[in-house]
Amino acid sequence: MEDHLHDHYCHLNRRHFLSKMGLGIGSLALGSMLSCNRGGNSVTDAPPSLGGILDAPHFAPKAKRIIYLFQSGGPSQLDLFDYKPLLTKMHGEELPASVRMGQRLTGMTAYQKTKPLASSIYDFKQHGRSGAWVSNLMPHTAKIVDDLCFIKTMHTEAINHDPAITFFQTGSQQPGRPSIGSWLSYGLGSSNKNLPSFIVLLSRGAQRPQPIYSRLWGNGFLASLHQGVQFRAGSNPVLHLQNPNGISAASRREVLDKLAQLNQMRMNEFGDPEIQSRIAQYEMAYRMQTSVPEAMDISDEPESTFELYGPESRKPGTYAANCILARRLAERNTKFIQLYHLGWDQHSNLPRELSSQCRDTDQASAALVTDLKRRGLLDDTLVVWGGEFGRTNYSQGSLTPDNYGRDHHPRCFTIWMAGGGVKPGMSFGQTDEFGYNIAENPVHVHDFQATLLHLMGIDHEKLTYKHQGRYYRLTDVHGHLVKDILA
């Protein structure tokens, strides 16, 4: 008896103790209210299941899944999509103080004595029926502009990479919050019992990329069942998934069954919902032993697929290969597929480095949209392309005829979206003639996140989770639906 009590007390941590102290007779009524609140969704601990905390979406979704092509480092909108003839006329002249208006700069250019305006050295042309401006760095993207919705006026408060990427992925510049994919998993669950609802793929360009942290696809304060699962390149995409030598599938099944019994006993004793998550994760890992190798094996793809996605698509771990995998995962109804491509941080040598990044990504990004459309998947798959901020209209460091760099610019930048309920062939928002400030229709990061959830059938104000006495949501206390881009 004494050993049992000792074991029990050892598992009462401070947070558990304080939470239990606050429970009285009134908690019985509160518990009843929460158990009936699955549709409204201010539920603290959802049972891990394939269904998610929502009995059903808040309204009919336009998209069943999201493929997010995150371009880490901050692509230069002024060299890709936001054409500004005035910069050509004023090339080399000082950025007017009336344009900057004392706005915050990074430490890399805040004390730079001059800030010469730098026009793009690339040729811009209008493409498609929509007349979207695209530079010659993106010839494949230029061919599909009528399938794309460009948002020219994204903006954020974050000015450095880590907080800016964290903000886009979790709704907060501070680490520790759940990522977008985790919120979707928590709310909607999985549409495929044999694959995680949230999968992450990484690739990198030739440049010196900013690092990417696994907490960007973390579950934060949600159950660990909802964290993103990174699939690696090569023959072992998920570490420790396969059975060790000498262990058969039957013996693994027997071990899992016995382990589930022990975990369930622990759950009955302590009521920790994380134990339920552990049981569900063991079962998912067992099913993934078969499903993951099948989904990741692109050897059965026809030659036409590799021709569409480009010569790098045969090489595991490249952006092009990951785009093919993203399409295969979408076919298998993975809810949220996140691709990170590193290397877009062109503070110097922009012409050489930006060209390299575009060669890595342009054909494959366009191919993914085209491929989904051919297969009838684009209508209910939302594809997003973009980074954490844009680049300045002035040069960081010296400005020469064929070389320049650009600093971080959170005031306005461009992303594009396709499929899944957004209007095709449109450009939303406008920046000023310097490409420095927003002229009309600003879209904040929280607005973007609210719109993503809306397209998946979720009211961003209603999907919440109580943590440390406060109700949290992806958009915090902000965010407005960008109605004008909805189909």
Protein backbone atom coordinates (compact mmCIF):
# COMPACT_ATOMS: atom_id res chain seq x y z
CA MET A 1 0.00 0.00 0.00
CA GLU A 2 2.80 2.41 0.94
CA ASP A 3 4.60 1.73 -2.36
CA HIS A 4 1.40 2.43 -4.28
CA LEU A 5 0.88 5.78 -2.49
CA HIS A 6 4.49 6.77 -3.03
CA ASP A 7 4.15 6.03 -6.73
CA HIS A 8 0.94 8.05 -6.89
CA TYR A 9 2.46 11.11 -5.18
CA CYS A 10 5.52 11.05 -7.42
CA HIS A 11 3.27 11.58 -10.42
CA LEU A 12 1.56 14.67 -8.96
CA ASN A 13 3.49 17.54 -10.49
CA ARG A 14 3.05 21.17 -9.44
CA ARG A 15 0.63 22.09 -12.24
CA HIS A 16 -1.49 18.98 -11.58
CA PHE A 17 -1.54 19.75 -7.84
CA LEU A 18 -2.59 23.39 -8.32
CA SER A 19 -5.26 22.47 -10.84
CA LYS A 20 -6.73 19.87 -8.47
CA MET A 21 -6.78 22.41 -5.60
CA GLY A 22 -9.12 24.62 -7.59
CA LEU A 23 -11.73 21.90 -8.14
CA GLY A 24 -14.81 22.05 -5.98
CA ILE A 25 -18.47 21.15 -6.23
CA GLY A 26 -18.87 23.71 -9.01
CA SER A 27 -16.45 21.73 -11.17
CA LEU A 28 -19.10 19.04 -11.59
CA ALA A 29 -21.34 21.47 -13.43
CA LEU A 30 -18.39 22.89 -15.36
CA GLY A 31 -17.31 19.41 -16.44
CA SER A 32 -20.80 18.71 -17.66
CA MET A 33 -20.79 21.94 -19.67
CA LEU A 34 -17.45 21.17 -21.26
CA SER A 35 -18.42 17.64 -22.17
CA CYS A 36 -21.39 19.06 -24.09
CA ASN A 37 -19.29 21.71 -25.80
CA ARG A 38 -17.63 19.67 -28.52
CA GLY A 39 -19.27 21.73 -31.25
CA GLY A 40 -18.35 25.08 -29.70
CA ASN A 41 -14.93 23.87 -28.91
CA SER A 42 -13.51 25.40 -25.82
CA VAL A 43 -12.55 21.92 -24.68
CA THR A 44 -9.30 21.43 -22.82
CA ASP A 45 -8.57 17.76 -23.35
CA ALA A 46 -9.94 16.00 -26.41
CA PRO A 47 -9.71 12.23 -26.60
CA PRO A 48 -7.15 11.33 -29.25
CA SER A 49 -9.01 9.94 -32.22
CA LEU A 50 -9.16 10.21 -35.97
CA GLY A 51 -12.11 12.57 -35.72
CA GLY A 52 -10.64 15.60 -33.96
CA ILE A 53 -12.40 17.72 -31.36
CA LEU A 54 -15.03 19.03 -33.79
CA ASP A 55 -18.01 16.79 -34.40
CA ALA A 56 -18.18 18.50 -37.81
CA PRO A 57 -16.65 21.59 -39.42
CA HIS A 58 -18.33 24.86 -38.46
CA PHE A 59 -19.46 25.24 -42.08
CA ALA A 60 -18.96 23.50 -45.40
CA PRO A 61 -15.21 23.51 -46.19
CA LYS A 62 -13.88 24.60 -49.56
CA ALA A 63 -10.63 22.64 -49.04
CA LYS A 64 -10.03 19.17 -47.65
CA ARG A 65 -6.28 19.57 -47.32
CA ILE A 66 -3.49 22.18 -47.47
CA ILE A 67 -0.06 21.99 -49.09
CA TYR A 68 2.03 24.86 -47.73
CA LEU A 69 5.18 25.55 -49.75
CA PHE A 70 7.08 27.67 -47.24
CA GLN A 71 10.02 29.56 -48.77
CA SER A 72 12.21 30.16 -45.73
CA GLY A 73 14.38 33.27 -45.68
CA GLY A 74 12.14 35.87 -47.31
CA PRO A 75 11.88 35.83 -51.15
CA SER A 76 12.34 39.20 -52.82
CA GLN A 77 8.90 40.24 -54.03
CA LEU A 78 10.46 43.13 -55.97
CA ASP A 79 12.48 40.73 -58.12
CA LEU A 80 9.70 38.17 -58.59
CA PHE A 81 6.14 39.49 -58.53
CA ASP A 82 5.81 43.15 -57.50
CA TYR A 83 6.88 45.21 -60.53
CA LYS A 84 7.88 48.80 -59.70
CA PRO A 85 8.97 50.94 -62.70
CA LEU A 86 9.69 53.91 -60.40
CA LEU A 87 12.64 52.03 -58.89
CA THR A 88 14.18 51.85 -62.36
CA LYS A 89 13.85 55.62 -62.76
CA MET A 90 15.25 56.32 -59.30
CA HIS A 91 17.87 53.54 -59.25
CA GLY A 92 20.75 54.56 -56.98
CA GLU A 93 18.93 57.49 -55.43
CA GLU A 94 18.34 57.69 -51.69
CA LEU A 95 15.15 56.21 -50.23
CA PRO A 96 13.03 59.27 -49.31
CA ALA A 97 12.48 59.72 -45.58
CA SER A 98 8.81 60.44 -46.30
CA VAL A 99 8.46 56.86 -47.60
CA ARG A 100 10.22 55.16 -44.75
CA MET A 101 8.51 57.32 -42.08
CA GLY A 102 10.96 56.19 -39.40
CA GLN A 103 9.91 52.56 -39.59
CA ARG A 104 11.95 49.95 -37.80
CA LEU A 105 14.91 48.43 -39.65
CA THR A 106 17.14 45.48 -38.83
CA GLY A 107 20.54 46.04 -37.27
CA MET A 108 22.09 45.15 -40.64
CA THR A 109 20.95 48.37 -42.36
CA ALA A 110 19.68 50.61 -39.55
CA TYR A 111 23.08 52.29 -39.38
CA GLN A 112 23.93 52.07 -43.07
CA LYS A 113 24.72 55.69 -44.04
CA THR A 114 22.94 55.53 -47.39
CA LYS A 115 20.06 53.41 -48.58
CA PRO A 116 20.20 53.53 -52.38
CA LEU A 117 17.08 52.36 -54.19
CA ALA A 118 17.76 49.20 -56.18
CA SER A 119 15.65 48.38 -59.21
CA SER A 120 15.37 44.76 -60.23
CA ILE A 121 17.73 43.62 -62.98
CA TYR A 122 15.14 41.11 -64.17
CA ASP A 123 12.61 41.58 -66.94
CA PHE A 124 8.97 41.74 -65.90
CA LYS A 125 6.05 40.92 -68.17
CA GLN A 126 2.32 40.45 -67.77
CA HIS A 127 1.04 36.93 -68.25
CA GLY A 128 -2.24 35.11 -68.80
CA ARG A 129 -5.70 36.54 -69.04
CA SER A 130 -5.25 38.01 -65.56
CA GLY A 131 -2.23 40.07 -66.65
CA ALA A 132 -0.22 39.19 -63.55
CA TRP A 133 3.31 40.60 -63.44
CA VAL A 134 6.03 37.95 -63.12
CA SER A 135 9.78 38.30 -63.69
CA ASN A 136 11.76 36.09 -66.02
CA LEU A 137 13.12 34.26 -62.96
CA MET A 138 9.79 32.41 -62.73
CA PRO A 139 8.93 31.26 -66.28
CA HIS A 140 6.97 28.20 -65.14
CA THR A 141 4.98 30.11 -62.55
CA ALA A 142 4.21 32.67 -65.26
CA LYS A 143 2.41 29.96 -67.24
CA ILE A 144 -0.06 29.19 -64.44
CA VAL A 145 -0.90 32.72 -63.21
CA ASP A 146 -4.54 32.25 -64.14
CA ASP A 147 -4.72 29.49 -61.52
CA LEU A 148 -3.12 31.66 -58.83
CA CYS A 149 -4.33 34.27 -56.38
CA PHE A 150 -1.49 36.69 -55.59
CA ILE A 151 -1.66 38.57 -52.30
CA LYS A 152 0.66 41.58 -52.71
CA THR A 153 0.06 43.15 -49.30
CA MET A 154 1.03 40.56 -46.70
CA HIS A 155 2.58 42.23 -43.68
CA THR A 156 3.95 41.30 -40.28
CA GLU A 157 5.50 42.94 -37.21
CA ALA A 158 8.38 40.45 -37.02
CA ILE A 159 11.58 41.65 -38.63
CA ASN A 160 14.00 38.77 -38.05
CA HIS A 161 13.78 35.19 -39.29
CA ASP A 162 13.09 33.12 -36.19
CA PRO A 163 10.23 35.21 -34.76
CA ALA A 164 8.83 35.86 -38.24
CA ILE A 165 8.66 32.18 -39.23
CA THR A 166 7.36 31.23 -35.79
CA PHE A 167 4.65 33.89 -36.18
CA PHE A 168 3.51 32.52 -39.54
CA GLN A 169 3.46 28.94 -38.34
CA THR A 170 1.99 29.37 -34.85
CA GLY A 171 0.36 32.81 -34.61
CA SER A 172 2.90 34.04 -32.06
CA GLN A 173 6.46 35.33 -32.30
CA GLN A 174 7.24 33.48 -29.08
CA PRO A 175 7.90 29.72 -29.32
CA GLY A 176 5.67 27.21 -27.61
CA ARG A 177 2.34 27.63 -29.41
CA PRO A 178 0.80 24.91 -31.62
CA SER A 179 1.49 25.16 -35.34
CA ILE A 180 -1.19 25.51 -38.04
CA GLY A 181 -1.08 21.81 -38.87
CA SER A 182 -1.44 20.90 -35.21
CA TRP A 183 -4.52 23.10 -34.84
CA LEU A 184 -6.06 21.43 -37.90
CA SER A 185 -5.25 17.98 -36.54
CA TYR A 186 -6.76 18.92 -33.17
CA GLY A 187 -9.90 20.32 -34.76
CA LEU A 188 -10.52 18.03 -37.71
CA GLY A 189 -8.49 14.91 -37.01
CA SER A 190 -7.19 12.72 -39.81
CA SER A 191 -8.76 11.53 -43.04
CA ASN A 192 -6.37 8.58 -43.32
CA LYS A 193 -5.97 6.22 -40.37
CA ASN A 194 -2.65 4.96 -41.74
CA LEU A 195 -0.83 8.30 -42.07
CA PRO A 196 -0.37 11.29 -39.75
CA SER A 197 -2.67 14.22 -40.45
CA PHE A 198 0.33 16.62 -40.42
CA ILE A 199 3.50 15.77 -42.38
CA VAL A 200 6.64 17.88 -42.92
CA LEU A 201 9.24 17.71 -45.73
CA LEU A 202 12.48 19.73 -45.81
CA SER A 203 14.80 20.81 -48.64
CA ARG A 204 17.48 23.46 -48.99
CA GLY A 205 19.07 25.58 -51.67
CA ALA A 206 22.75 25.97 -52.35
CA GLN A 207 23.07 29.12 -50.24
CA ARG A 208 23.83 29.41 -46.53
CA PRO A 209 20.30 28.96 -45.21
CA GLN A 210 18.83 30.14 -41.96
CA PRO A 211 18.16 27.16 -39.68
CA ILE A 212 14.73 25.58 -39.30
CA TYR A 213 13.60 24.23 -35.93
CA SER A 214 11.34 21.25 -35.29
CA ARG A 215 9.24 23.34 -32.91
CA LEU A 216 7.81 25.04 -36.03
CA TRP A 217 5.74 21.91 -36.55
CA GLY A 218 5.31 21.23 -32.85
CA ASN A 219 2.07 20.63 -30.99
CA GLY A 220 2.75 23.27 -28.32
CA PHE A 221 0.28 22.77 -25.48
CA LEU A 222 -1.94 20.44 -27.53
CA ALA A 223 -1.60 16.68 -27.11
CA SER A 224 1.55 15.30 -28.72
CA LEU A 225 -0.65 13.28 -31.08
CA HIS A 226 -1.09 16.51 -33.08
CA GLN A 227 2.56 17.37 -33.73
CA GLY A 228 3.89 17.29 -37.28
CA VAL A 229 5.85 14.22 -38.38
CA GLN A 230 8.95 14.93 -40.43
CA PHE A 231 9.50 12.58 -43.36
CA ARG A 232 13.18 12.44 -44.29
CA ALA A 233 14.70 11.67 -47.66
CA GLY A 234 16.01 8.18 -48.37
CA SER A 235 15.06 4.65 -47.45
CA ASN A 236 14.22 5.43 -43.82
CA PRO A 237 11.84 8.43 -43.94
CA VAL A 238 10.67 8.11 -40.33
CA LEU A 239 13.31 7.21 -37.76
CA HIS A 240 12.79 4.11 -35.57
CA LEU A 241 9.66 3.11 -37.50
CA GLN A 242 10.77 -0.28 -38.82
CA ASN A 243 11.07 -3.37 -36.68
CA PRO A 244 14.59 -4.22 -35.44
CA ASN A 245 16.27 -7.28 -36.93
CA GLY A 246 14.74 -10.46 -35.60
CA ILE A 247 11.42 -8.86 -34.64
CA SER A 248 8.46 -10.03 -36.70
CA ALA A 249 5.27 -8.12 -37.36
CA ALA A 250 3.36 -10.62 -35.21
CA SER A 251 5.67 -10.16 -32.22
CA ARG A 252 5.53 -6.37 -32.62
CA ARG A 253 1.72 -6.59 -32.61
CA GLU A 254 1.78 -8.65 -29.42
CA VAL A 255 4.12 -6.18 -27.71
CA LEU A 256 1.90 -3.24 -28.67
CA ASP A 257 -1.20 -4.99 -27.38
CA LYS A 258 0.42 -5.64 -24.00
CA LEU A 259 1.82 -2.10 -23.89
CA ALA A 260 -1.62 -0.69 -24.64
CA GLN A 261 -3.04 -2.64 -21.70
CA LEU A 262 -0.39 -1.22 -19.36
CA ASN A 263 -0.93 2.32 -20.65
CA GLN A 264 -4.68 1.96 -20.26
CA MET A 265 -4.21 0.86 -16.64
CA ARG A 266 -2.10 3.97 -16.10
CA MET A 267 -4.74 6.10 -17.79
CA ASN A 268 -7.47 4.67 -15.55
CA GLU A 269 -5.36 5.42 -12.48
CA PHE A 270 -4.13 8.95 -13.24
CA GLY A 271 -6.42 10.26 -15.98
CA ASP A 272 -3.55 11.86 -17.93
CA PRO A 273 -4.78 12.40 -21.53
CA GLU A 274 -1.21 12.28 -22.78
CA ILE A 275 -1.27 8.54 -22.08
CA GLN A 276 -4.10 8.22 -24.58
CA SER A 277 -1.98 10.11 -27.09
CA ARG A 278 0.86 7.68 -26.50
CA ILE A 279 -1.40 4.70 -27.17
CA ALA A 280 -2.67 6.30 -30.39
CA GLN A 281 0.88 7.13 -31.54
CA TYR A 282 2.09 3.56 -31.03
CA GLU A 283 -0.83 2.31 -33.10
CA MET A 284 -0.20 4.89 -35.82
CA ALA A 285 3.49 3.93 -35.97
CA TYR A 286 2.50 0.29 -36.43
CA ARG A 287 0.22 1.13 -39.37
CA MET A 288 2.82 3.50 -40.86
CA GLN A 289 5.26 0.60 -41.26
CA THR A 290 3.29 -0.32 -44.36
CA SER A 291 1.75 3.00 -45.45
CA VAL A 292 4.86 5.20 -45.33
CA PRO A 293 7.12 3.14 -47.65
CA GLU A 294 4.24 2.89 -50.14
CA ALA A 295 3.53 6.64 -50.08
CA MET A 296 7.21 7.61 -50.33
CA ASP A 297 8.13 5.24 -53.15
CA ILE A 298 8.00 7.32 -56.35
CA SER A 299 9.45 4.56 -58.53
CA ASP A 300 5.97 3.82 -59.84
CA GLU A 301 5.55 7.37 -61.15
CA PRO A 302 5.46 7.59 -64.97
CA GLU A 303 8.23 9.36 -66.88
CA SER A 304 5.82 12.19 -67.65
CA THR A 305 5.71 13.07 -63.93
CA PHE A 306 9.47 13.59 -63.71
CA GLU A 307 9.42 15.60 -66.92
CA LEU A 308 6.71 17.82 -65.45
CA TYR A 309 8.47 18.45 -62.13
CA GLY A 310 11.96 18.82 -63.59
CA PRO A 311 15.33 17.03 -63.59
CA GLU A 312 15.84 17.34 -59.81
CA SER A 313 12.62 15.48 -59.08
CA ARG A 314 14.35 12.08 -59.19
CA LYS A 315 16.73 13.07 -56.36
CA PRO A 316 15.33 12.32 -52.88
CA GLY A 317 15.33 15.35 -50.60
CA THR A 318 15.15 17.99 -53.32
CA TYR A 319 12.32 20.49 -53.45
CA ALA A 320 11.08 18.95 -56.71
CA ALA A 321 11.02 15.44 -55.25
CA ASN A 322 9.21 16.74 -52.18
CA CYS A 323 6.57 18.37 -54.40
CA ILE A 324 5.86 14.96 -55.95
CA LEU A 325 5.60 13.48 -52.47
CA ALA A 326 3.25 16.30 -51.46
CA ARG A 327 0.94 15.37 -54.33
CA ARG A 328 1.08 11.68 -53.35
CA LEU A 329 0.25 12.56 -49.73
CA ALA A 330 -2.61 14.76 -50.91
CA GLU A 331 -3.96 11.81 -52.89
CA ARG A 332 -3.90 9.86 -49.64
CA ASN A 333 -5.86 12.62 -47.86
CA THR A 334 -3.15 13.92 -45.57
CA LYS A 335 -4.72 16.99 -43.97
CA PHE A 336 -1.72 19.36 -43.81
CA ILE A 337 1.47 18.92 -45.83
CA GLN A 338 4.23 21.40 -45.04
CA LEU A 339 7.26 21.83 -47.29
CA TYR A 340 10.10 24.05 -46.12
CA HIS A 341 12.67 25.17 -48.69
CA LEU A 342 15.62 27.00 -47.14
CA GLY A 343 17.94 29.58 -48.67
CA TRP A 344 15.96 32.71 -49.63
CA ASP A 345 17.95 35.15 -47.47
CA GLN A 346 19.72 37.31 -50.08
CA HIS A 347 21.46 40.11 -48.17
CA SER A 348 24.17 40.16 -50.85
CA ASN A 349 24.90 38.49 -54.19
CA LEU A 350 21.17 38.54 -54.87
CA PRO A 351 21.36 38.01 -58.65
CA ARG A 352 23.34 34.79 -58.32
CA GLU A 353 21.64 33.38 -55.25
CA LEU A 354 18.07 34.30 -56.14
CA SER A 355 18.44 32.76 -59.59
CA SER A 356 19.60 29.54 -57.96
CA GLN A 357 16.62 29.46 -55.60
CA CYS A 358 14.19 29.99 -58.46
CA ARG A 359 15.77 27.18 -60.47
CA ASP A 360 15.21 24.92 -57.47
CA THR A 361 11.57 25.81 -56.98
CA ASP A 362 9.87 27.46 -59.97
CA GLN A 363 9.21 24.44 -62.17
CA ALA A 364 8.25 22.12 -59.32
CA SER A 365 5.86 24.62 -57.70
CA ALA A 366 4.07 25.21 -61.00
CA ALA A 367 4.10 21.48 -61.73
CA LEU A 368 2.42 20.72 -58.41
CA VAL A 369 -0.48 23.08 -59.20
CA THR A 370 -0.74 21.68 -62.73
CA ASP A 371 -0.57 18.08 -61.53
CA LEU A 372 -3.26 18.58 -58.89
CA LYS A 373 -5.47 20.27 -61.46
CA ARG A 374 -5.06 17.42 -63.97
CA ARG A 375 -6.01 14.88 -61.33
CA GLY A 376 -9.08 16.80 -60.16
CA LEU A 377 -7.50 17.55 -56.76
CA LEU A 378 -6.92 21.29 -57.02
CA ASP A 379 -10.54 22.23 -56.34
CA ASP A 380 -10.35 20.83 -52.81
CA THR A 381 -6.61 21.24 -52.16
CA LEU A 382 -5.31 24.64 -51.07
CA VAL A 383 -1.72 25.33 -52.18
CA VAL A 384 0.18 28.20 -50.54
CA TRP A 385 3.57 29.62 -51.62
CA GLY A 386 5.44 32.26 -49.61
CA GLY A 387 7.98 33.19 -46.95
CA GLU A 388 8.07 34.98 -43.61
CA PHE A 389 8.59 38.52 -44.97
CA GLY A 390 9.84 40.33 -48.09
CA ARG A 391 12.92 42.33 -49.02
CA THR A 392 13.70 46.05 -49.02
CA ASN A 393 13.55 48.31 -52.08
CA TYR A 394 17.01 49.64 -51.22
CA SER A 395 20.29 47.80 -51.41
CA GLN A 396 22.04 46.41 -48.39
CA GLY A 397 25.68 47.32 -48.85
CA SER A 398 27.15 48.66 -52.06
CA LEU A 399 25.09 48.92 -55.22
CA THR A 400 26.78 47.93 -58.48
CA PRO A 401 25.29 47.54 -61.99
CA ASP A 402 24.95 43.77 -61.73
CA ASN A 403 25.03 43.10 -57.99
CA TYR A 404 23.01 44.12 -54.94
CA GLY A 405 21.40 42.69 -51.84
CA ARG A 406 18.19 43.39 -49.97
CA ASP A 407 17.44 43.44 -46.23
CA HIS A 408 14.36 42.05 -44.49
CA HIS A 409 11.14 43.94 -45.17
CA PRO A 410 8.02 43.06 -43.13
CA ARG A 411 5.94 46.05 -44.30
CA CYS A 412 4.65 44.42 -47.49
CA PHE A 413 5.43 41.29 -49.46
CA THR A 414 3.84 38.78 -51.83
CA ILE A 415 2.54 35.25 -51.43
CA TRP A 416 0.33 33.23 -53.75
CA MET A 417 -2.45 30.72 -53.17
CA ALA A 418 -4.18 28.31 -55.54
CA GLY A 419 -7.18 25.96 -55.49
CA GLY A 420 -9.18 25.09 -52.39
CA GLY A 421 -11.75 27.89 -52.55
CA VAL A 422 -9.68 30.94 -53.52
CA LYS A 423 -10.32 33.02 -56.63
CA PRO A 424 -7.98 32.09 -59.49
CA GLY A 425 -6.34 34.63 -61.75
CA MET A 426 -6.37 37.62 -59.43
CA SER A 427 -3.97 39.92 -57.61
CA PHE A 428 -5.22 41.24 -54.29
CA GLY A 429 -3.86 44.39 -52.67
CA GLN A 430 -1.47 47.03 -53.92
CA THR A 431 1.77 48.47 -52.62
CA ASP A 432 2.92 52.03 -53.18
CA GLU A 433 5.02 52.99 -56.20
CA PHE A 434 8.20 52.42 -54.20
CA GLY A 435 7.13 48.94 -53.15
CA TYR A 436 7.76 49.95 -49.55
CA ASN A 437 4.31 50.50 -47.98
CA ILE A 438 0.81 49.14 -48.52
CA ALA A 439 -1.46 51.35 -50.61
CA GLU A 440 -4.67 49.32 -50.31
CA ASN A 441 -6.10 46.07 -48.91
CA PRO A 442 -3.56 45.04 -46.25
CA VAL A 443 -3.48 41.39 -45.21
CA HIS A 444 -1.94 40.62 -41.83
CA VAL A 445 -0.51 37.24 -40.85
CA HIS A 446 -3.49 36.63 -38.56
CA ASP A 447 -5.87 37.47 -41.43
CA PHE A 448 -4.06 34.91 -43.56
CA GLN A 449 -4.36 32.28 -40.81
CA ALA A 450 -8.05 33.03 -40.26
CA THR A 451 -8.65 32.60 -43.99
CA LEU A 452 -6.78 29.28 -44.11
CA LEU A 453 -8.93 27.90 -41.30
CA HIS A 454 -12.09 29.24 -42.95
CA LEU A 455 -11.29 27.42 -46.18
CA MET A 456 -11.00 24.22 -44.14
CA GLY A 457 -14.44 24.85 -42.63
CA ILE A 458 -13.28 26.31 -39.29
CA ASP A 459 -14.30 29.58 -37.66
CA HIS A 460 -10.96 30.76 -36.28
CA GLU A 461 -12.64 32.33 -33.24
CA LYS A 462 -14.31 29.06 -32.21
CA LEU A 463 -11.42 26.60 -32.32
CA THR A 464 -9.84 27.21 -28.92
CA TYR A 465 -7.91 25.38 -26.23
CA LYS A 466 -7.68 26.24 -22.56
CA HIS A 467 -4.10 26.35 -21.31
CA GLN A 468 -2.90 27.72 -17.96
CA GLY A 469 -6.20 29.41 -17.30
CA ARG A 470 -6.60 31.12 -20.67
CA TYR A 471 -8.30 30.14 -23.93
CA TYR A 472 -5.91 30.19 -26.89
CA ARG A 473 -6.47 30.06 -30.63
CA LEU A 474 -4.22 30.16 -33.69
CA THR A 475 -5.04 33.81 -34.38
CA ASP A 476 -4.77 34.83 -30.71
CA VAL A 477 -7.25 37.73 -30.31
CA HIS A 478 -6.82 39.00 -33.87
CA GLY A 479 -7.56 38.03 -37.46
CA HIS A 480 -10.18 38.87 -40.07
CA LEU A 481 -11.36 36.73 -42.94
CA VAL A 482 -10.09 38.02 -46.32
CA LYS A 483 -13.45 37.65 -48.04
CA ASP A 484 -12.46 39.24 -51.36
CA ILE A 485 -10.18 36.35 -52.33
CA LEU A 486 -12.77 33.63 -51.69
CA ALA A 487 -14.26 31.92 -54.74
